[in-house]
């Protein structure tokens, strides 16, 4: 079972600034958690892995990220994320500036639930 969503945001900032905040080394500045492991300075690269840990319900929850695609010229980033309980996310982020505002293009998220959780949800 899969769930596809397309959240989008309008950001009043230059696209280059938004792109910099999406770099793995900068994620801990704005996510609800901390980045663990060695994340090198600079641009992300295909095959790069890192983990994020968030605290909730009295325990730490780990998510593992793998960078699958990077197109710095077009400000696009794709990652595969593994969450607790077997959930997975295929995330594609594309930032684009238009004439009226500076807008990231829709962020396509595809969340895969493990079969046992999908059966419970139906």
PDB file of N, CA and C in Angstrom:
ATOM      1  N   UNK A   1       0.852  -1.173   0.000  1.00  0.00           N
ATOM      2  CA  UNK A   1       0.000   0.000   0.000  1.00  0.00           C
ATOM      3  C   UNK A   1       0.888   1.224   0.000  1.00  0.00           C
ATOM      4  N   UNK A   2       0.552   2.215  -0.801  1.00  0.00           N
ATOM      5  CA  UNK A   2       1.322   3.445  -0.865  1.00  0.00           C
ATOM      6  C   UNK A   2       0.441   4.646  -0.664  1.00  0.00           C
ATOM      7  N   UNK A   3       1.050   5.726  -0.301  1.00  0.00           N
ATOM      8  CA  UNK A   3       0.364   6.991  -0.109  1.00  0.00           C
ATOM      9  C   UNK A   3       1.200   8.041  -0.809  1.00  0.00           C
ATOM     10  N   UNK A   4       0.620   8.784  -1.730  1.00  0.00           N
ATOM     11  CA  UNK A   4       1.345   9.841  -2.428  1.00  0.00           C
ATOM     12  C   UNK A   4       0.749  11.185  -2.048  1.00  0.00           C
ATOM     13  N   UNK A   5       1.621  12.114  -1.713  1.00  0.00           N
ATOM     14  CA  UNK A   5       1.200  13.472  -1.383  1.00  0.00           C
ATOM     15  C   UNK A   5       2.116  14.446  -2.094  1.00  0.00           C
ATOM     16  N   UNK A   6       1.674  15.671  -2.218  1.00  0.00           N
ATOM     17  CA  UNK A   6       2.451  16.679  -2.920  1.00  0.00           C
ATOM     18  C   UNK A   6       2.389  18.005  -2.171  1.00  0.00           C
ATOM     19  N   UNK A   7       3.065  18.132  -1.038  1.00  0.00           N
ATOM     20  CA  UNK A   7       3.072  19.425  -0.357  1.00  0.00           C
ATOM     21  C   UNK A   7       3.946  20.412  -1.122  1.00  0.00           C
ATOM     22  N   UNK A   8       3.615  21.676  -1.062  1.00  0.00           N
ATOM     23  CA  UNK A   8       4.407  22.724  -1.702  1.00  0.00           C
ATOM     24  C   UNK A   8       4.441  23.916  -0.773  1.00  0.00           C
ATOM     25  N   UNK A   9       5.447  24.740  -0.929  1.00  0.00           N
ATOM     26  CA  UNK A   9       5.572  25.918  -0.076  1.00  0.00           C
ATOM     27  C   UNK A   9       6.070  27.085  -0.908  1.00  0.00           C
ATOM     28  N   UNK A  10       5.625  28.276  -0.537  1.00  0.00           N
ATOM     29  CA  UNK A  10       6.126  29.510  -1.131  1.00  0.00           C
ATOM     30  C   UNK A  10       7.072  30.122  -0.112  1.00  0.00           C
ATOM     31  N   UNK A  11       8.274  30.413  -0.554  1.00  0.00           N
ATOM     32  CA  UNK A  11       9.297  30.919   0.347  1.00  0.00           C
ATOM     33  C   UNK A  11       9.820  32.239  -0.206  1.00  0.00           C
ATOM     34  N   UNK A  12       9.813  33.271   0.617  1.00  0.00           N
ATOM     35  CA  UNK A  12      10.322  34.583   0.198  1.00  0.00           C
ATOM     36  C   UNK A  12      11.829  34.635   0.445  1.00  0.00           C
ATOM     37  N   UNK A  13      12.557  33.866  -0.350  1.00  0.00           N
ATOM     38  CA  UNK A  13      14.014  33.810  -0.235  1.00  0.00           C
ATOM     39  C   UNK A  13      14.583  33.386  -1.581  1.00  0.00           C
ATOM     40  N   UNK A  14      15.792  33.794  -1.877  1.00  0.00           N
ATOM     41  CA  UNK A  14      16.409  33.337  -3.133  1.00  0.00           C
ATOM     42  C   UNK A  14      16.516  31.812  -3.169  1.00  0.00           C
ATOM     43  N   UNK A  15      16.307  31.245  -4.334  1.00  0.00           N
ATOM     44  CA  UNK A  15      16.315  29.796  -4.490  1.00  0.00           C
ATOM     45  C   UNK A  15      17.644  29.198  -4.019  1.00  0.00           C
ATOM     46  N   UNK A  16      18.747  29.921  -4.190  1.00  0.00           N
ATOM     47  CA  UNK A  16      20.047  29.409  -3.754  1.00  0.00           C
ATOM     48  C   UNK A  16      20.104  29.254  -2.234  1.00  0.00           C
ATOM     49  N   UNK A  17      19.455  30.170  -1.495  1.00  0.00           N
ATOM     50  CA  UNK A  17      19.429  30.049  -0.037  1.00  0.00           C
ATOM     51  C   UNK A  17      18.604  28.845   0.399  1.00  0.00           C
ATOM     52  N   UNK A  18      17.465  28.641  -0.253  1.00  0.00           N
ATOM     53  CA  UNK A  18      16.627  27.486   0.066  1.00  0.00           C
ATOM     54  C   UNK A  18      17.396  26.207  -0.244  1.00  0.00           C
ATOM     55  N   UNK A  19      18.057  26.157  -1.387  1.00  0.00           N
ATOM     56  CA  UNK A  19      18.835  24.982  -1.780  1.00  0.00           C
ATOM     57  C   UNK A  19      19.913  24.676  -0.732  1.00  0.00           C
ATOM     58  N   UNK A  20      20.590  25.696  -0.223  1.00  0.00           N
ATOM     59  CA  UNK A  20      21.628  25.478   0.787  1.00  0.00           C
ATOM     60  C   UNK A  20      21.063  24.828   2.053  1.00  0.00           C
ATOM     61  N   UNK A  21      19.844  25.194   2.450  1.00  0.00           N
ATOM     62  CA  UNK A  21      19.226  24.606   3.642  1.00  0.00           C
ATOM     63  C   UNK A  21      18.858  23.137   3.448  1.00  0.00           C
ATOM     64  N   UNK A  22      18.758  22.689   2.198  1.00  0.00           N
ATOM     65  CA  UNK A  22      18.424  21.291   1.914  1.00  0.00           C
ATOM     66  C   UNK A  22      19.655  20.390   1.885  1.00  0.00           C
ATOM     67  N   UNK A  23      20.841  20.960   2.014  1.00  0.00           N
ATOM     68  CA  UNK A  23      22.058  20.159   2.031  1.00  0.00           C
ATOM     69  C   UNK A  23      22.086  19.327   3.313  1.00  0.00           C
ATOM     70  N   UNK A  24      22.449  18.052   3.236  1.00  0.00           N
ATOM     71  CA  UNK A  24      22.435  17.196   4.437  1.00  0.00           C
ATOM     72  C   UNK A  24      23.185  17.782   5.626  1.00  0.00           C
ATOM     73  N   UNK A  25      24.285  18.455   5.397  1.00  0.00           N
ATOM     74  CA  UNK A  25      25.069  19.002   6.500  1.00  0.00           C
ATOM     75  C   UNK A  25      24.310  20.118   7.237  1.00  0.00           C
ATOM     76  N   UNK A  26      23.308  20.729   6.601  1.00  0.00           N
ATOM     77  CA  UNK A  26      22.546  21.836   7.204  1.00  0.00           C
ATOM     78  C   UNK A  26      21.189  21.403   7.752  1.00  0.00           C
ATOM     79  N   UNK A  27      20.777  20.148   7.561  1.00  0.00           N
ATOM     80  CA  UNK A  27      19.445  19.719   7.984  1.00  0.00           C
ATOM     81  C   UNK A  27      19.207  19.894   9.478  1.00  0.00           C
ATOM     82  N   UNK A  28      20.219  19.653  10.297  1.00  0.00           N
ATOM     83  CA  UNK A  28      20.008  19.746  11.748  1.00  0.00           C
ATOM     84  C   UNK A  28      19.714  21.167  12.196  1.00  0.00           C
ATOM     85  N   UNK A  29      19.877  22.150  11.316  1.00  0.00           N
ATOM     86  CA  UNK A  29      19.537  23.535  11.653  1.00  0.00           C
ATOM     87  C   UNK A  29      18.028  23.754  11.691  1.00  0.00           C
ATOM     88  N   UNK A  30      17.252  22.900  11.018  1.00  0.00           N
ATOM     89  CA  UNK A  30      15.815  23.169  10.937  1.00  0.00           C
ATOM     90  C   UNK A  30      14.914  21.951  11.094  1.00  0.00           C
ATOM     91  N   UNK A  31      15.447  20.736  11.112  1.00  0.00           N
ATOM     92  CA  UNK A  31      14.574  19.575  11.320  1.00  0.00           C
ATOM     93  C   UNK A  31      14.336  19.368  12.806  1.00  0.00           C
ATOM     94  N   UNK A  32      13.328  18.601  13.127  1.00  0.00           N
ATOM     95  CA  UNK A  32      13.021  18.273  14.515  1.00  0.00           C
ATOM     96  C   UNK A  32      13.825  17.034  14.898  1.00  0.00           C
ATOM     97  N   UNK A  33      15.111  17.224  15.094  1.00  0.00           N
ATOM     98  CA  UNK A  33      15.990  16.119  15.421  1.00  0.00           C
ATOM     99  C   UNK A  33      17.429  16.524  15.189  1.00  0.00           C
ATOM    100  N   UNK A  34      18.291  15.533  15.209  1.00  0.00           N
ATOM    101  CA  UNK A  34      19.708  15.802  14.989  1.00  0.00           C
ATOM    102  C   UNK A  34      20.255  14.819  13.957  1.00  0.00           C
ATOM    103  N   UNK A  35      21.226  15.272  13.201  1.00  0.00           N
ATOM    104  CA  UNK A  35      21.873  14.424  12.212  1.00  0.00           C
ATOM    105  C   UNK A  35      23.002  13.671  12.903  1.00  0.00           C
ATOM    106  N   UNK A  36      23.065  12.366  12.680  1.00  0.00           N
ATOM    107  CA  UNK A  36      24.118  11.541  13.260  1.00  0.00           C
ATOM    108  C   UNK A  36      25.013  11.009  12.164  1.00  0.00           C
ATOM    109  N   UNK A  37      26.216  10.713  12.553  1.00  0.00           N
ATOM    110  CA  UNK A  37      27.167  10.176  11.592  1.00  0.00           C
ATOM    111  C   UNK A  37      27.952  11.309  10.951  1.00  0.00           C
ATOM    112  N   UNK A  38      28.870  10.935  10.130  1.00  0.00           N
ATOM    113  CA  UNK A  38      29.735  11.897   9.467  1.00  0.00           C
ATOM    114  C   UNK A  38      29.060  12.387   8.190  1.00  0.00           C
ATOM    115  N   UNK A  39      28.706  13.647   8.172  1.00  0.00           N
ATOM    116  CA  UNK A  39      28.136  14.254   6.971  1.00  0.00           C
ATOM    117  C   UNK A  39      29.153  15.280   6.488  1.00  0.00           C
ATOM    118  N   UNK A  40      29.781  15.022   5.350  1.00  0.00           N
ATOM    119  CA  UNK A  40      30.826  15.938   4.887  1.00  0.00           C
ATOM    120  C   UNK A  40      30.261  17.297   4.501  1.00  0.00           C
ATOM    121  N   UNK A  41      31.085  18.323   4.672  1.00  0.00           N
ATOM    122  CA  UNK A  41      30.719  19.665   4.223  1.00  0.00           C
ATOM    123  C   UNK A  41      30.548  19.639   2.708  1.00  0.00           C
ATOM    124  N   UNK A  42      29.758  20.574   2.205  1.00  0.00           N
ATOM    125  CA  UNK A  42      29.609  20.692   0.767  1.00  0.00           C
ATOM    126  C   UNK A  42      28.341  20.048   0.248  1.00  0.00           C
ATOM    127  N   UNK A  43      28.292  19.981  -1.054  1.00  0.00           N
ATOM    128  CA  UNK A  43      27.100  19.498  -1.741  1.00  0.00           C
ATOM    129  C   UNK A  43      26.862  18.017  -1.484  1.00  0.00           C
ATOM    130  N   UNK A  44      25.591  17.607  -1.484  1.00  0.00           N
ATOM    131  CA  UNK A  44      25.302  16.173  -1.365  1.00  0.00           C
ATOM    132  C   UNK A  44      25.755  15.451  -2.636  1.00  0.00           C
ATOM    133  N   UNK A  45      25.942  14.150  -2.521  1.00  0.00           N
ATOM    134  CA  UNK A  45      26.352  13.359  -3.675  1.00  0.00           C
ATOM    135  C   UNK A  45      25.587  12.041  -3.671  1.00  0.00           C
ATOM    136  N   UNK A  46      25.395  11.478  -4.846  1.00  0.00           N
ATOM    137  CA  UNK A  46      24.670  10.223  -4.985  1.00  0.00           C
ATOM    138  C   UNK A  46      25.403   9.140  -4.197  1.00  0.00           C
ATOM    139  N   UNK A  47      24.637   8.401  -3.398  1.00  0.00           N
ATOM    140  CA  UNK A  47      25.208   7.356  -2.570  1.00  0.00           C
ATOM    141  C   UNK A  47      25.521   7.800  -1.150  1.00  0.00           C
ATOM    142  N   UNK A  48      25.456   9.093  -0.885  1.00  0.00           N
ATOM    143  CA  UNK A  48      25.720   9.603   0.460  1.00  0.00           C
ATOM    144  C   UNK A  48      24.664   9.066   1.431  1.00  0.00           C
ATOM    145  N   UNK A  49      25.089   8.657   2.605  1.00  0.00           N
ATOM    146  CA  UNK A  49      24.166   8.164   3.622  1.00  0.00           C
ATOM    147  C   UNK A  49      24.370   8.946   4.910  1.00  0.00           C
ATOM    148  N   UNK A  50      23.282   9.122   5.656  1.00  0.00           N
ATOM    149  CA  UNK A  50      23.341   9.741   6.976  1.00  0.00           C
ATOM    150  C   UNK A  50      22.066   9.374   7.704  1.00  0.00           C
ATOM    151  N   UNK A  51      22.034   9.645   8.993  1.00  0.00           N
ATOM    152  CA  UNK A  51      20.868   9.316   9.815  1.00  0.00           C
ATOM    153  C   UNK A  51      20.412  10.547  10.576  1.00  0.00           C
ATOM    154  N   UNK A  52      19.109  10.596  10.838  1.00  0.00           N
ATOM    155  CA  UNK A  52      18.528  11.642  11.676  1.00  0.00           C
ATOM    156  C   UNK A  52      17.845  10.946  12.846  1.00  0.00           C
ATOM    157  N   UNK A  53      17.984  11.529  14.026  1.00  0.00           N
ATOM    158  CA  UNK A  53      17.372  10.962  15.226  1.00  0.00           C
ATOM    159  C   UNK A  53      16.478  12.022  15.859  1.00  0.00           C
ATOM    160  N   UNK A  54      15.224  11.657  16.094  1.00  0.00           N
ATOM    161  CA  UNK A  54      14.250  12.541  16.748  1.00  0.00           C
ATOM    162  C   UNK A  54      13.793  11.875  18.040  1.00  0.00           C
ATOM    163  N   UNK A  55      13.444  12.673  19.017  1.00  0.00           N
ATOM    164  CA  UNK A  55      12.984  12.133  20.296  1.00  0.00           C
ATOM    165  C   UNK A  55      11.485  12.354  20.428  1.00  0.00           C
ATOM    166  N   UNK A  56      10.754  11.292  20.741  1.00  0.00           N
ATOM    167  CA  UNK A  56       9.306  11.370  20.971  1.00  0.00           C
ATOM    168  C   UNK A  56       8.897  10.173  21.816  1.00  0.00           C
ATOM    169  N   UNK A  57       7.868  10.351  22.622  1.00  0.00           N
ATOM    170  CA  UNK A  57       7.334   9.268  23.463  1.00  0.00           C
ATOM    171  C   UNK A  57       8.411   8.643  24.343  1.00  0.00           C
ATOM    172  N   UNK A  58       9.362   9.472  24.798  1.00  0.00           N
ATOM    173  CA  UNK A  58      10.386   9.009  25.720  1.00  0.00           C
ATOM    174  C   UNK A  58      11.496   8.170  25.119  1.00  0.00           C
ATOM    175  N   UNK A  59      11.613   8.145  23.789  1.00  0.00           N
ATOM    176  CA  UNK A  59      12.681   7.365  23.166  1.00  0.00           C
ATOM    177  C   UNK A  59      13.171   8.032  21.891  1.00  0.00           C
ATOM    178  N   UNK A  60      14.312   7.585  21.415  1.00  0.00           N
ATOM    179  CA  UNK A  60      14.881   8.101  20.169  1.00  0.00           C
ATOM    180  C   UNK A  60      14.377   7.285  18.990  1.00  0.00           C
ATOM    181  N   UNK A  61      14.061   7.970  17.897  1.00  0.00           N
ATOM    182  CA  UNK A  61      13.587   7.336  16.661  1.00  0.00           C
ATOM    183  C   UNK A  61      14.573   7.688  15.556  1.00  0.00           C
ATOM    184  N   UNK A  62      15.120   6.682  14.922  1.00  0.00           N
ATOM    185  CA  UNK A  62      16.157   6.869  13.900  1.00  0.00           C
ATOM    186  C   UNK A  62      15.572   6.722  12.500  1.00  0.00           C
ATOM    187  N   UNK A  63      16.000   7.598  11.610  1.00  0.00           N
ATOM    188  CA  UNK A  63      15.647   7.525  10.194  1.00  0.00           C
ATOM    189  C   UNK A  63      16.940   7.529   9.389  1.00  0.00           C
ATOM    190  N   UNK A  64      17.040   6.631   8.411  1.00  0.00           N
ATOM    191  CA  UNK A  64      18.246   6.517   7.599  1.00  0.00           C
ATOM    192  C   UNK A  64      17.981   7.054   6.199  1.00  0.00           C
ATOM    193  N   UNK A  65      18.873   7.906   5.715  1.00  0.00           N
ATOM    194  CA  UNK A  65      18.738   8.579   4.429  1.00  0.00           C
ATOM    195  C   UNK A  65      19.799   8.085   3.459  1.00  0.00           C
ATOM    196  N   UNK A  66      19.402   7.921   2.197  1.00  0.00           N
ATOM    197  CA  UNK A  66      20.339   7.632   1.108  1.00  0.00           C
ATOM    198  C   UNK A  66      20.032   8.644  -0.002  1.00  0.00           C
ATOM    199  N   UNK A  67      21.033   9.399  -0.406  1.00  0.00           N
ATOM    200  CA  UNK A  67      20.863  10.356  -1.501  1.00  0.00           C
ATOM    201  C   UNK A  67      20.891   9.577  -2.805  1.00  0.00           C
ATOM    202  N   UNK A  68      19.821   9.711  -3.601  1.00  0.00           N
ATOM    203  CA  UNK A  68      19.707   8.949  -4.848  1.00  0.00           C
ATOM    204  C   UNK A  68      19.937   9.793  -6.098  1.00  0.00           C
ATOM    205  N   UNK A  69      19.677  11.090  -6.006  1.00  0.00           N
ATOM    206  CA  UNK A  69      19.841  11.950  -7.185  1.00  0.00           C
ATOM    207  C   UNK A  69      20.170  13.355  -6.705  1.00  0.00           C
ATOM    208  N   UNK A  70      21.112  13.993  -7.401  1.00  0.00           N
ATOM    209  CA  UNK A  70      21.445  15.389  -7.125  1.00  0.00           C
ATOM    210  C   UNK A  70      21.607  16.088  -8.464  1.00  0.00           C
ATOM    211  N   UNK A  71      20.882  17.167  -8.651  1.00  0.00           N
ATOM    212  CA  UNK A  71      21.043  18.024  -9.822  1.00  0.00           C
ATOM    213  C   UNK A  71      21.141  19.450  -9.293  1.00  0.00           C
ATOM    214  N   UNK A  72      22.366  19.878  -8.994  1.00  0.00           N
ATOM    215  CA  UNK A  72      22.579  21.193  -8.380  1.00  0.00           C
ATOM    216  C   UNK A  72      22.180  22.326  -9.317  1.00  0.00           C
ATOM    217  N   UNK A  73      22.368  22.149 -10.608  1.00  0.00           N
ATOM    218  CA  UNK A  73      22.015  23.209 -11.565  1.00  0.00           C
ATOM    219  C   UNK A  73      20.508  23.476 -11.567  1.00  0.00           C
ATOM    220  N   UNK A  74      19.705  22.419 -11.406  1.00  0.00           N
ATOM    221  CA  UNK A  74      18.248  22.560 -11.407  1.00  0.00           C
ATOM    222  C   UNK A  74      17.677  22.570  -9.995  1.00  0.00           C
ATOM    223  N   UNK A  75      18.541  22.548  -8.989  1.00  0.00           N
ATOM    224  CA  UNK A  75      18.142  22.557  -7.576  1.00  0.00           C
ATOM    225  C   UNK A  75      17.179  21.401  -7.271  1.00  0.00           C
ATOM    226  N   UNK A  76      17.590  20.187  -7.618  1.00  0.00           N
ATOM    227  CA  UNK A  76      16.776  18.995  -7.373  1.00  0.00           C
ATOM    228  C   UNK A  76      17.563  17.992  -6.542  1.00  0.00           C
ATOM    229  N   UNK A  77      16.847  17.348  -5.622  1.00  0.00           N
ATOM    230  CA  UNK A  77      17.447  16.377  -4.722  1.00  0.00           C
ATOM    231  C   UNK A  77      16.447  15.245  -4.504  1.00  0.00           C
ATOM    232  N   UNK A  78      16.899  14.013  -4.616  1.00  0.00           N
ATOM    233  CA  UNK A  78      16.041  12.857  -4.342  1.00  0.00           C
ATOM    234  C   UNK A  78      16.721  11.991  -3.289  1.00  0.00           C
ATOM    235  N   UNK A  79      15.918  11.547  -2.320  1.00  0.00           N
ATOM    236  CA  UNK A  79      16.446  10.705  -1.246  1.00  0.00           C
ATOM    237  C   UNK A  79      15.473   9.574  -0.951  1.00  0.00           C
ATOM    238  N   UNK A  80      16.020   8.467  -0.505  1.00  0.00           N
ATOM    239  CA  UNK A  80      15.220   7.340  -0.010  1.00  0.00           C
ATOM    240  C   UNK A  80      15.433   7.337   1.498  1.00  0.00           C
ATOM    241  N   UNK A  81      14.338   7.383   2.251  1.00  0.00           N
ATOM    242  CA  UNK A  81      14.417   7.455   3.706  1.00  0.00           C
ATOM    243  C   UNK A  81      13.714   6.244   4.307  1.00  0.00           C
ATOM    244  N   UNK A  82      14.360   5.615   5.263  1.00  0.00           N
ATOM    245  CA  UNK A  82      13.781   4.478   5.995  1.00  0.00           C
ATOM    246  C   UNK A  82      13.488   4.932   7.416  1.00  0.00           C
ATOM    247  N   UNK A  83      12.214   4.799   7.799  1.00  0.00           N
ATOM    248  CA  UNK A  83      11.747   5.188   9.116  1.00  0.00           C
ATOM    249  C   UNK A  83      11.512   3.956   9.983  1.00  0.00           C
ATOM    250  N   UNK A  84      11.278   4.167  11.285  1.00  0.00           N
ATOM    251  CA  UNK A  84      10.908   3.037  12.142  1.00  0.00           C
ATOM    252  C   UNK A  84       9.638   2.340  11.634  1.00  0.00           C
ATOM    253  N   UNK A  85       9.429   1.131  12.068  1.00  0.00           N
ATOM    254  CA  UNK A  85       8.270   0.303  11.731  1.00  0.00           C
ATOM    255  C   UNK A  85       8.212  -0.057  10.251  1.00  0.00           C
ATOM    256  N   UNK A  86       9.338   0.020   9.548  1.00  0.00           N
ATOM    257  CA  UNK A  86       9.392  -0.393   8.149  1.00  0.00           C
ATOM    258  C   UNK A  86       8.841   0.608   7.152  1.00  0.00           C
ATOM    259  N   UNK A  87       8.476   1.801   7.599  1.00  0.00           N
ATOM    260  CA  UNK A  87       7.979   2.803   6.649  1.00  0.00           C
ATOM    261  C   UNK A  87       9.140   3.368   5.839  1.00  0.00           C
ATOM    262  N   UNK A  88       8.853   3.693   4.572  1.00  0.00           N
ATOM    263  CA  UNK A  88       9.857   4.260   3.682  1.00  0.00           C
ATOM    264  C   UNK A  88       9.297   5.469   2.970  1.00  0.00           C
ATOM    265  N   UNK A  89      10.182   6.381   2.602  1.00  0.00           N
ATOM    266  CA  UNK A  89       9.800   7.601   1.904  1.00  0.00           C
ATOM    267  C   UNK A  89      10.737   7.791   0.725  1.00  0.00           C
ATOM    268  N   UNK A  90      10.174   8.002  -0.448  1.00  0.00           N
ATOM    269  CA  UNK A  90      10.945   8.377  -1.631  1.00  0.00           C
ATOM    270  C   UNK A  90      10.671   9.857  -1.848  1.00  0.00           C
ATOM    271  N   UNK A  91      11.643  10.675  -1.497  1.00  0.00           N
ATOM    272  CA  UNK A  91      11.436  12.122  -1.504  1.00  0.00           C
ATOM    273  C   UNK A  91      12.158  12.754  -2.679  1.00  0.00           C
ATOM    274  N   UNK A  92      11.438  13.624  -3.383  1.00  0.00           N
ATOM    275  CA  UNK A  92      12.025  14.394  -4.475  1.00  0.00           C
ATOM    276  C   UNK A  92      11.734  15.859  -4.204  1.00  0.00           C
ATOM    277  N   UNK A  93      12.781  16.651  -4.101  1.00  0.00           N
ATOM    278  CA  UNK A  93      12.631  18.081  -3.843  1.00  0.00           C
ATOM    279  C   UNK A  93      13.177  18.832  -5.048  1.00  0.00           C
ATOM    280  N   UNK A  94      12.390  19.772  -5.557  1.00  0.00           N
ATOM    281  CA  UNK A  94      12.820  20.609  -6.673  1.00  0.00           C
ATOM    282  C   UNK A  94      12.475  22.051  -6.347  1.00  0.00           C
ATOM    283  N   UNK A  95      13.471  22.920  -6.351  1.00  0.00           N
ATOM    284  CA  UNK A  95      13.257  24.337  -6.051  1.00  0.00           C
ATOM    285  C   UNK A  95      13.323  25.132  -7.345  1.00  0.00           C
ATOM    286  N   UNK A  96      12.433  26.123  -7.453  1.00  0.00           N
ATOM    287  CA  UNK A  96      12.360  26.916  -8.672  1.00  0.00           C
ATOM    288  C   UNK A  96      11.892  28.313  -8.321  1.00  0.00           C
ATOM    289  N   UNK A  97      12.524  29.312  -8.889  1.00  0.00           N
ATOM    290  CA  UNK A  97      12.102  30.697  -8.673  1.00  0.00           C
ATOM    291  C   UNK A  97      11.214  31.121  -9.836  1.00  0.00           C
ATOM    292  N   UNK A  98      10.080  31.759  -9.512  1.00  0.00           N
ATOM    293  CA  UNK A  98       9.269  32.326 -10.586  1.00  0.00           C
ATOM    294  C   UNK A  98       9.359  33.845 -10.510  1.00  0.00           C
ATOM    295  N   UNK A  99       8.626  34.528 -11.358  1.00  0.00           N
ATOM    296  CA  UNK A  99       8.758  35.984 -11.434  1.00  0.00           C
ATOM    297  C   UNK A  99       8.143  36.706 -10.252  1.00  0.00           C
ATOM    298  N   UNK A 100       7.044  36.179  -9.720  1.00  0.00           N
ATOM    299  CA  UNK A 100       6.342  36.872  -8.642  1.00  0.00           C
ATOM    300  C   UNK A 100       6.900  36.542  -7.275  1.00  0.00           C
ATOM    301  N   UNK A 101       7.237  35.307  -7.027  1.00  0.00           N
ATOM    302  CA  UNK A 101       7.800  34.884  -5.741  1.00  0.00           C
ATOM    303  C   UNK A 101       8.867  33.857  -6.027  1.00  0.00           C
ATOM    304  N   UNK A 102       9.539  33.483  -5.007  1.00  0.00           N
ATOM    305  CA  UNK A 102      10.536  32.436  -5.117  1.00  0.00           C
ATOM    306  C   UNK A 102       9.915  31.190  -4.520  1.00  0.00           C
ATOM    307  N   UNK A 103       9.687  30.192  -5.363  1.00  0.00           N
ATOM    308  CA  UNK A 103       8.843  29.070  -4.986  1.00  0.00           C
ATOM    309  C   UNK A 103       9.554  27.744  -5.209  1.00  0.00           C
ATOM    310  N   UNK A 104       9.641  26.896  -4.190  1.00  0.00           N
ATOM    311  CA  UNK A 104      10.050  25.528  -4.490  1.00  0.00           C
ATOM    312  C   UNK A 104       8.918  24.847  -5.249  1.00  0.00           C
ATOM    313  N   UNK A 105       9.253  24.083  -6.242  1.00  0.00           N
ATOM    314  CA  UNK A 105       8.240  23.285  -6.929  1.00  0.00           C
ATOM    315  C   UNK A 105       7.671  22.289  -5.947  1.00  0.00           C
ATOM    316  N   UNK A 106       6.554  21.676  -6.274  1.00  0.00           N
ATOM    317  CA  UNK A 106       5.982  20.692  -5.342  1.00  0.00           C
ATOM    318  C   UNK A 106       6.994  19.630  -4.940  1.00  0.00           C
ATOM    319  N   UNK A 107       6.929  19.250  -3.703  1.00  0.00           N
ATOM    320  CA  UNK A 107       7.772  18.190  -3.173  1.00  0.00           C
ATOM    321  C   UNK A 107       6.932  16.917  -3.223  1.00  0.00           C
ATOM    322  N   UNK A 108       7.335  15.983  -4.051  1.00  0.00           N
ATOM    323  CA  UNK A 108       6.571  14.731  -4.183  1.00  0.00           C
ATOM    324  C   UNK A 108       7.063  13.743  -3.153  1.00  0.00           C
ATOM    325  N   UNK A 109       6.176  13.296  -2.322  1.00  0.00           N
ATOM    326  CA  UNK A 109       6.519  12.328  -1.290  1.00  0.00           C
ATOM    327  C   UNK A 109       5.717  11.057  -1.535  1.00  0.00           C
ATOM    328  N   UNK A 110       6.387   9.930  -1.514  1.00  0.00           N
ATOM    329  CA  UNK A 110       5.684   8.659  -1.623  1.00  0.00           C
ATOM    330  C   UNK A 110       6.064   7.839  -0.402  1.00  0.00           C
ATOM    331  N   UNK A 111       5.107   7.578   0.423  1.00  0.00           N
ATOM    332  CA  UNK A 111       5.341   6.853   1.658  1.00  0.00           C
ATOM    333  C   UNK A 111       4.833   5.439   1.485  1.00  0.00           C
ATOM    334  N   UNK A 112       5.683   4.456   1.718  1.00  0.00           N
ATOM    335  CA  UNK A 112       5.293   3.043   1.618  1.00  0.00           C
ATOM    336  C   UNK A 112       5.132   2.481   3.013  1.00  0.00           C
ATOM    337  N   UNK A 113       3.966   1.937   3.264  1.00  0.00           N
ATOM    338  CA  UNK A 113       3.706   1.278   4.548  1.00  0.00           C
ATOM    339  C   UNK A 113       4.012  -0.205   4.403  1.00  0.00           C
ATOM    340  N   UNK A 114       4.596  -0.812   5.423  1.00  0.00           N
ATOM    341  CA  UNK A 114       4.776  -2.262   5.371  1.00  0.00           C
ATOM    342  C   UNK A 114       3.422  -2.951   5.287  1.00  0.00           C
ATOM    343  N   UNK A 115       3.381  -4.115   4.690  1.00  0.00           N
ATOM    344  CA  UNK A 115       2.117  -4.821   4.449  1.00  0.00           C
ATOM    345  C   UNK A 115       1.315  -5.018   5.728  1.00  0.00           C
ATOM    346  N   UNK A 116       1.973  -5.352   6.829  1.00  0.00           N
ATOM    347  CA  UNK A 116       1.233  -5.607   8.074  1.00  0.00           C
ATOM    348  C   UNK A 116       0.555  -4.340   8.584  1.00  0.00           C
ATOM    349  N   UNK A 117       1.167  -3.162   8.393  1.00  0.00           N
ATOM    350  CA  UNK A 117       0.533  -1.914   8.829  1.00  0.00           C
ATOM    351  C   UNK A 117      -0.562  -1.495   7.844  1.00  0.00           C
ATOM    352  N   UNK A 118      -0.352  -1.755   6.566  1.00  0.00           N
ATOM    353  CA  UNK A 118      -1.354  -1.396   5.554  1.00  0.00           C
ATOM    354  C   UNK A 118      -2.648  -2.183   5.801  1.00  0.00           C
ATOM    355  N   UNK A 119      -2.528  -3.459   6.178  1.00  0.00           N
ATOM    356  CA  UNK A 119      -3.717  -4.271   6.450  1.00  0.00           C
ATOM    357  C   UNK A 119      -4.460  -3.732   7.675  1.00  0.00           C
ATOM    358  N   UNK A 120      -3.715  -3.298   8.683  1.00  0.00           N
ATOM    359  CA  UNK A 120      -4.340  -2.762   9.894  1.00  0.00           C
ATOM    360  C   UNK A 120      -5.048  -1.449   9.619  1.00  0.00           C
ATOM    361  N   UNK A 121      -4.520  -0.655   8.672  1.00  0.00           N
ATOM    362  CA  UNK A 121      -5.113   0.654   8.372  1.00  0.00           C
ATOM    363  C   UNK A 121      -6.399   0.542   7.572  1.00  0.00           C
ATOM    364  N   UNK A 122      -6.595  -0.592   6.840  1.00  0.00           N
ATOM    365  CA  UNK A 122      -7.800  -0.697   6.022  1.00  0.00           C
ATOM    366  C   UNK A 122      -8.982  -1.211   6.788  1.00  0.00           C
TER     367      UNK A 122
END
